[in-house]
């Protein structure tokens, strides 16, 4: 079974930066995609960024140029560097892994952008 544990959330002022980390464990070969989603209060969960097994990355338009997704395959980690944070980035951020057609989720980490 796959387990995902996020860390790195917190309170940050507008314009600030945070780095989210996701540690994967369990059976993790044959991974298709790893990524980050977020869900703001009263809104649906949305894709923030993902990275495919071949290294191709994909970003939501709202975060392009500000967020960067990366991974360390040896450490079984995926990261989200968030710069230029805005109040509208406030949400619970979830790590996601897709493997053999199945989705796996972490429990989420809260990011609050406020002055």
N, C-alpha and C. Protein backbone atom coordinates (compact mmCIF):
# COMPACT_ATOMS: atom_id res chain seq x y z
N UNK A 1 0.85 -1.19 0.00
CA UNK A 1 0.00 0.00 0.00
C UNK A 1 0.88 1.24 0.00
N UNK A 2 0.44 2.26 -0.71
CA UNK A 2 1.20 3.50 -0.81
C UNK A 2 0.77 4.46 0.30
N UNK A 3 1.74 5.07 0.94
CA UNK A 3 1.47 6.12 1.92
C UNK A 3 2.18 7.39 1.49
N UNK A 4 1.48 8.50 1.64
CA UNK A 4 2.03 9.81 1.31
C UNK A 4 1.90 10.72 2.52
N UNK A 5 2.97 11.39 2.88
CA UNK A 5 2.96 12.30 4.02
C UNK A 5 3.51 13.64 3.59
N UNK A 6 2.67 14.68 3.72
CA UNK A 6 3.07 16.03 3.34
C UNK A 6 3.63 16.77 4.56
N UNK A 7 4.47 17.76 4.27
CA UNK A 7 4.98 18.66 5.30
C UNK A 7 5.36 19.98 4.65
N UNK A 8 5.51 21.00 5.50
CA UNK A 8 6.01 22.28 5.00
C UNK A 8 4.98 23.38 4.92
N UNK A 9 3.73 23.08 5.22
CA UNK A 9 2.72 24.13 5.20
C UNK A 9 2.88 25.10 6.36
N UNK A 10 2.11 26.17 6.32
CA UNK A 10 2.17 27.15 7.40
C UNK A 10 1.59 28.47 6.98
N UNK A 11 1.84 29.47 7.83
CA UNK A 11 1.37 30.83 7.59
C UNK A 11 2.51 31.64 6.97
N UNK A 12 2.20 32.34 5.90
CA UNK A 12 3.21 33.15 5.24
C UNK A 12 2.56 34.44 4.75
N UNK A 13 3.32 35.51 4.71
CA UNK A 13 2.80 36.78 4.22
C UNK A 13 2.75 36.80 2.69
N UNK A 14 1.87 37.61 2.13
CA UNK A 14 1.84 37.74 0.67
C UNK A 14 3.22 38.10 0.13
N UNK A 15 3.58 37.45 -0.97
CA UNK A 15 4.89 37.64 -1.55
C UNK A 15 5.95 36.69 -1.02
N UNK A 16 5.62 35.97 0.02
CA UNK A 16 6.57 35.06 0.63
C UNK A 16 6.68 33.73 -0.10
N UNK A 17 7.48 32.85 0.50
CA UNK A 17 7.74 31.54 -0.10
C UNK A 17 7.56 30.42 0.91
N UNK A 18 7.21 29.28 0.40
CA UNK A 18 7.15 28.04 1.19
C UNK A 18 7.58 26.89 0.29
N UNK A 19 8.09 25.85 0.92
CA UNK A 19 8.44 24.64 0.18
C UNK A 19 7.71 23.46 0.81
N UNK A 20 6.85 22.85 0.04
CA UNK A 20 6.14 21.67 0.51
C UNK A 20 6.92 20.42 0.12
N UNK A 21 6.86 19.43 0.99
CA UNK A 21 7.51 18.16 0.73
C UNK A 21 6.51 17.03 0.88
N UNK A 22 6.69 15.99 0.11
CA UNK A 22 5.84 14.80 0.20
C UNK A 22 6.74 13.57 0.18
N UNK A 23 6.63 12.78 1.24
CA UNK A 23 7.39 11.54 1.34
C UNK A 23 6.49 10.37 0.99
N UNK A 24 6.95 9.56 0.06
CA UNK A 24 6.19 8.37 -0.37
C UNK A 24 6.82 7.12 0.21
N UNK A 25 5.97 6.18 0.60
CA UNK A 25 6.46 4.89 1.08
C UNK A 25 5.48 3.80 0.63
N UNK A 26 5.89 2.57 0.84
CA UNK A 26 5.06 1.46 0.39
C UNK A 26 5.49 1.01 -0.99
N UNK A 27 4.61 0.41 -1.71
CA UNK A 27 4.90 -0.10 -3.04
C UNK A 27 4.85 1.07 -4.01
N UNK A 28 5.98 1.52 -4.51
CA UNK A 28 5.97 2.73 -5.31
C UNK A 28 6.62 2.56 -6.66
N UNK A 29 6.79 1.33 -7.14
CA UNK A 29 7.24 1.19 -8.52
C UNK A 29 6.04 1.37 -9.43
N UNK A 30 6.30 1.53 -10.73
CA UNK A 30 5.24 1.73 -11.72
C UNK A 30 4.42 2.98 -11.45
N UNK A 31 5.09 4.02 -10.95
CA UNK A 31 4.40 5.29 -10.72
C UNK A 31 4.21 5.99 -12.05
N UNK A 32 3.01 6.45 -12.29
CA UNK A 32 2.73 7.23 -13.50
C UNK A 32 3.00 8.71 -13.30
N UNK A 33 2.44 9.23 -12.20
CA UNK A 33 2.50 10.66 -11.97
C UNK A 33 2.51 10.94 -10.47
N UNK A 34 3.25 11.97 -10.08
CA UNK A 34 3.15 12.50 -8.72
C UNK A 34 2.87 13.98 -8.84
N UNK A 35 2.12 14.49 -7.89
CA UNK A 35 1.80 15.91 -8.00
C UNK A 35 1.16 16.47 -6.76
N UNK A 36 0.72 17.70 -6.91
CA UNK A 36 0.10 18.45 -5.83
C UNK A 36 -1.24 19.00 -6.30
N UNK A 37 -2.23 18.84 -5.44
CA UNK A 37 -3.53 19.44 -5.62
C UNK A 37 -3.78 20.36 -4.42
N UNK A 38 -4.77 21.22 -4.56
CA UNK A 38 -5.16 22.06 -3.42
C UNK A 38 -6.67 22.23 -3.40
N UNK A 39 -7.15 22.49 -2.20
CA UNK A 39 -8.58 22.73 -2.02
C UNK A 39 -8.76 23.88 -1.06
N UNK A 40 -9.34 24.95 -1.57
CA UNK A 40 -9.64 26.13 -0.76
C UNK A 40 -11.04 25.98 -0.17
N UNK A 41 -11.32 26.68 0.91
CA UNK A 41 -12.66 26.57 1.53
C UNK A 41 -13.76 26.89 0.53
N UNK A 42 -14.74 26.00 0.45
CA UNK A 42 -15.88 26.21 -0.42
C UNK A 42 -15.62 25.95 -1.89
N UNK A 43 -14.42 25.47 -2.21
CA UNK A 43 -14.08 25.22 -3.61
C UNK A 43 -13.72 23.76 -3.83
N UNK A 44 -13.72 23.35 -5.09
CA UNK A 44 -13.34 21.98 -5.42
C UNK A 44 -11.82 21.84 -5.41
N UNK A 45 -11.39 20.61 -5.23
CA UNK A 45 -9.96 20.32 -5.29
C UNK A 45 -9.48 20.52 -6.73
N UNK A 46 -8.32 21.16 -6.86
CA UNK A 46 -7.79 21.45 -8.19
C UNK A 46 -6.32 21.07 -8.29
N UNK A 47 -5.92 20.74 -9.50
CA UNK A 47 -4.52 20.42 -9.75
C UNK A 47 -3.67 21.70 -9.64
N UNK A 48 -2.56 21.58 -8.94
CA UNK A 48 -1.58 22.66 -8.88
C UNK A 48 -0.43 22.37 -9.84
N UNK A 49 0.15 21.21 -9.70
CA UNK A 49 1.26 20.81 -10.56
C UNK A 49 1.47 19.31 -10.45
N UNK A 50 1.95 18.71 -11.52
CA UNK A 50 2.34 17.31 -11.44
C UNK A 50 3.56 17.05 -12.30
N UNK A 51 4.16 15.89 -12.06
CA UNK A 51 5.35 15.49 -12.79
C UNK A 51 5.19 14.03 -13.18
N UNK A 52 5.34 13.75 -14.45
CA UNK A 52 5.16 12.40 -14.95
C UNK A 52 6.42 11.57 -14.76
N UNK A 53 6.28 10.28 -14.98
CA UNK A 53 7.41 9.38 -14.76
C UNK A 53 8.61 9.76 -15.61
N UNK A 54 8.37 10.31 -16.79
CA UNK A 54 9.46 10.71 -17.67
C UNK A 54 10.05 12.06 -17.34
N UNK A 55 9.45 12.76 -16.39
CA UNK A 55 9.96 14.05 -15.96
C UNK A 55 9.20 15.25 -16.48
N UNK A 56 8.24 15.03 -17.34
CA UNK A 56 7.43 16.15 -17.85
C UNK A 56 6.60 16.75 -16.74
N UNK A 57 6.59 18.08 -16.67
CA UNK A 57 5.83 18.77 -15.65
C UNK A 57 4.63 19.49 -16.25
N UNK A 58 3.65 19.72 -15.39
CA UNK A 58 2.42 20.38 -15.80
C UNK A 58 1.98 21.27 -14.65
N UNK A 59 1.57 22.51 -14.99
CA UNK A 59 1.19 23.47 -13.95
C UNK A 59 -0.17 24.09 -14.27
N UNK A 60 -0.90 24.41 -13.21
CA UNK A 60 -2.10 25.22 -13.38
C UNK A 60 -1.67 26.61 -13.83
N UNK A 61 -2.49 27.23 -14.66
CA UNK A 61 -2.15 28.56 -15.16
C UNK A 61 -1.94 29.56 -14.02
N UNK A 62 -2.69 29.38 -12.94
CA UNK A 62 -2.64 30.34 -11.84
C UNK A 62 -1.31 30.32 -11.09
N UNK A 63 -0.52 29.27 -11.27
CA UNK A 63 0.75 29.17 -10.51
C UNK A 63 1.98 29.18 -11.41
N UNK A 64 1.77 29.18 -12.71
CA UNK A 64 2.91 29.17 -13.63
C UNK A 64 3.82 30.37 -13.38
N UNK A 65 5.11 30.10 -13.34
CA UNK A 65 6.08 31.14 -13.09
C UNK A 65 6.32 31.43 -11.63
N UNK A 66 5.49 30.89 -10.76
CA UNK A 66 5.65 31.12 -9.31
C UNK A 66 5.97 29.83 -8.56
N UNK A 67 5.41 28.72 -8.99
CA UNK A 67 5.60 27.44 -8.31
C UNK A 67 6.47 26.53 -9.18
N UNK A 68 7.24 25.68 -8.51
CA UNK A 68 8.07 24.71 -9.21
C UNK A 68 7.95 23.35 -8.53
N UNK A 69 7.62 22.34 -9.31
CA UNK A 69 7.55 20.98 -8.78
C UNK A 69 8.84 20.26 -9.12
N UNK A 70 9.31 19.45 -8.19
CA UNK A 70 10.52 18.67 -8.43
C UNK A 70 10.41 17.36 -7.65
N UNK A 71 11.32 16.46 -7.90
CA UNK A 71 11.28 15.17 -7.23
C UNK A 71 12.70 14.66 -7.00
N UNK A 72 12.82 13.79 -6.03
CA UNK A 72 14.06 13.06 -5.78
C UNK A 72 13.66 11.59 -5.76
N UNK A 73 13.91 10.91 -6.87
CA UNK A 73 13.46 9.54 -7.00
C UNK A 73 14.11 8.64 -5.96
N UNK A 74 15.39 8.84 -5.71
CA UNK A 74 16.12 7.99 -4.75
C UNK A 74 15.54 8.13 -3.35
N UNK A 75 15.14 9.36 -2.99
CA UNK A 75 14.59 9.60 -1.66
C UNK A 75 13.08 9.41 -1.61
N UNK A 76 12.48 9.15 -2.77
CA UNK A 76 11.03 8.95 -2.84
C UNK A 76 10.29 10.18 -2.34
N UNK A 77 10.74 11.33 -2.82
CA UNK A 77 10.17 12.60 -2.39
C UNK A 77 9.72 13.41 -3.61
N UNK A 78 8.68 14.21 -3.40
CA UNK A 78 8.29 15.21 -4.38
C UNK A 78 8.11 16.53 -3.63
N UNK A 79 8.49 17.61 -4.28
CA UNK A 79 8.51 18.92 -3.64
C UNK A 79 7.69 19.93 -4.45
N UNK A 80 7.23 20.95 -3.76
CA UNK A 80 6.58 22.08 -4.43
C UNK A 80 7.16 23.36 -3.84
N UNK A 81 7.98 24.03 -4.62
CA UNK A 81 8.52 25.32 -4.20
C UNK A 81 7.54 26.39 -4.63
N UNK A 82 7.05 27.15 -3.67
CA UNK A 82 6.04 28.17 -3.93
C UNK A 82 6.61 29.54 -3.62
N UNK A 83 6.75 30.36 -4.62
CA UNK A 83 7.25 31.73 -4.48
C UNK A 83 6.16 32.72 -4.87
N UNK A 84 6.32 33.94 -4.42
CA UNK A 84 5.34 34.96 -4.77
C UNK A 84 3.93 34.58 -4.35
N UNK A 85 3.80 34.06 -3.15
CA UNK A 85 2.49 33.57 -2.70
C UNK A 85 1.48 34.71 -2.58
N UNK A 86 0.24 34.36 -2.92
CA UNK A 86 -0.86 35.31 -2.89
C UNK A 86 -1.94 34.79 -1.94
N UNK A 87 -2.78 35.68 -1.42
CA UNK A 87 -3.86 35.22 -0.55
C UNK A 87 -4.73 34.14 -1.19
N UNK A 88 -4.90 34.21 -2.49
CA UNK A 88 -5.73 33.21 -3.17
C UNK A 88 -5.05 31.84 -3.28
N UNK A 89 -3.81 31.74 -2.87
CA UNK A 89 -3.13 30.44 -2.79
C UNK A 89 -3.46 29.71 -1.50
N UNK A 90 -4.16 30.37 -0.60
CA UNK A 90 -4.54 29.74 0.67
C UNK A 90 -5.42 28.53 0.41
N UNK A 91 -5.00 27.39 0.95
CA UNK A 91 -5.72 26.13 0.72
C UNK A 91 -5.03 25.02 1.49
N UNK A 92 -5.69 23.88 1.52
CA UNK A 92 -5.03 22.66 1.95
C UNK A 92 -4.41 22.03 0.71
N UNK A 93 -3.14 21.73 0.80
CA UNK A 93 -2.40 21.17 -0.32
C UNK A 93 -2.21 19.66 -0.09
N UNK A 94 -2.57 18.90 -1.12
CA UNK A 94 -2.53 17.44 -1.03
C UNK A 94 -1.51 16.87 -2.01
N UNK A 95 -0.74 15.95 -1.53
CA UNK A 95 0.14 15.19 -2.40
C UNK A 95 -0.65 14.07 -3.06
N UNK A 96 -0.37 13.84 -4.33
CA UNK A 96 -1.10 12.82 -5.10
C UNK A 96 -0.11 11.94 -5.85
N UNK A 97 -0.43 10.67 -5.91
CA UNK A 97 0.37 9.71 -6.67
C UNK A 97 -0.59 8.85 -7.48
N UNK A 98 -0.29 8.68 -8.74
CA UNK A 98 -1.09 7.82 -9.61
C UNK A 98 -0.24 6.63 -10.02
N UNK A 99 -0.76 5.45 -9.75
CA UNK A 99 0.00 4.23 -10.03
C UNK A 99 -0.96 3.17 -10.53
N UNK A 100 -0.71 2.67 -11.70
CA UNK A 100 -1.52 1.59 -12.29
C UNK A 100 -3.01 1.94 -12.26
N UNK A 101 -3.31 3.18 -12.57
CA UNK A 101 -4.70 3.62 -12.66
C UNK A 101 -5.35 3.98 -11.35
N UNK A 102 -4.64 3.87 -10.25
CA UNK A 102 -5.21 4.19 -8.94
C UNK A 102 -4.60 5.48 -8.40
N UNK A 103 -5.43 6.27 -7.75
CA UNK A 103 -5.00 7.51 -7.11
C UNK A 103 -4.75 7.29 -5.62
N UNK A 104 -3.67 7.86 -5.14
CA UNK A 104 -3.35 7.84 -3.71
C UNK A 104 -3.17 9.28 -3.25
N UNK A 105 -3.60 9.53 -2.00
CA UNK A 105 -3.58 10.89 -1.47
C UNK A 105 -2.96 10.93 -0.09
N UNK A 106 -2.28 12.04 0.18
CA UNK A 106 -1.88 12.32 1.54
C UNK A 106 -3.02 12.99 2.28
N UNK A 107 -2.77 13.30 3.54
CA UNK A 107 -3.81 13.91 4.36
C UNK A 107 -3.88 15.42 4.20
N UNK A 108 -2.87 16.00 3.59
CA UNK A 108 -2.89 17.43 3.30
C UNK A 108 -2.12 18.25 4.30
N UNK A 109 -1.66 19.40 3.82
CA UNK A 109 -1.00 20.37 4.69
C UNK A 109 -1.56 21.75 4.36
N UNK A 110 -1.85 22.52 5.41
CA UNK A 110 -2.52 23.80 5.23
C UNK A 110 -1.51 24.90 4.92
N UNK A 111 -1.79 25.65 3.88
CA UNK A 111 -1.02 26.84 3.54
C UNK A 111 -1.94 28.05 3.66
N UNK A 112 -1.53 29.00 4.49
CA UNK A 112 -2.31 30.22 4.68
C UNK A 112 -1.44 31.42 4.30
N UNK A 113 -1.94 32.20 3.36
CA UNK A 113 -1.22 33.39 2.91
C UNK A 113 -2.00 34.61 3.38
N UNK A 114 -1.45 35.30 4.35
CA UNK A 114 -2.16 36.43 4.95
C UNK A 114 -1.17 37.36 5.62
N UNK A 115 -1.53 38.64 5.64
CA UNK A 115 -0.71 39.62 6.34
C UNK A 115 -1.25 39.83 7.76
